[in-house]
Amino acid sequence: MRTRMTAAAATLTTAVALLLSSCGGSDTEDSAKDKIAGADMGASASASPSASASEDSIERPEIKLPKDIENVFEDGSTGDAKKDAVLADNERRVNSIDEAIVVDAEKHPALEFYSKDDALMSAVTYVKSFYDNGRSFTGKTRYYDREVTLAKDGSASVTYCMDATGTYPKDRATGKVDRSVKASSSDYVFYNTRLEKNSEGVWQTTSVSSTEAAKRCM
């Protein structure tokens, strides 16, 4: 019910390049640090950390989501420490995108901390679409059937399903939630992501593809 476009639909390189320039950044790293246009509504009040505490020594940006946002991640433990680390950073990336959408703040450092290259550009475009349309969202999103594959080149892939039938569109200016929106097959999305481990030990998502109304997720 989020009634939003998927990240994959926002990956046109030319459009993204223009977006990053309009945000005041000359490259992808600077752009994600700049303010995403939108009214300052102070949505971070009463927020709490959205990701599990990390047991590693990496200094991570704190991710805070309002109490009306609930992301449920299933299949978080595989028994393999490396795969679990990949899944943990996949979870943090998802939360970082939602934080950038629902929390009006000058900067969203977690967004580029967990995304880079095409995945960062598509995430910025995706987030900006909400501000441009004066929208946000509220409710519960479920992520499931999460699987990790480790590649010989050191990268990893994570595939997973998203069920957004428990979310509703929200007006940014008034805060009014539209609960009249009915769930549809497009609320079930299948994602295929590629991640690379950077010098700090963070698994950053570098590319994302998605399929709406994915039968395998219903």
Foldseek 3Di string as FASTA:
>chain_A
DQPADDLQVQQDPVVLCVVQVVQPDNDLVVSQFAFQDADQPQQQPCWDFQADDDPDPFDADGQTHHPQEAEAEPPLDDPDVVQNLLSRLVVLQVSLLLSLQRHRDRHRVSNVVAADASRSSSSSRRSNVQRVVQKHKGFYKYKDPWDKDADPVQKIKIKIKIAPQGMFIAGNPPRDTDPVDHDDLQNIKIKIWIWHQDPSRRTHTYDMDMDGSDPVRD
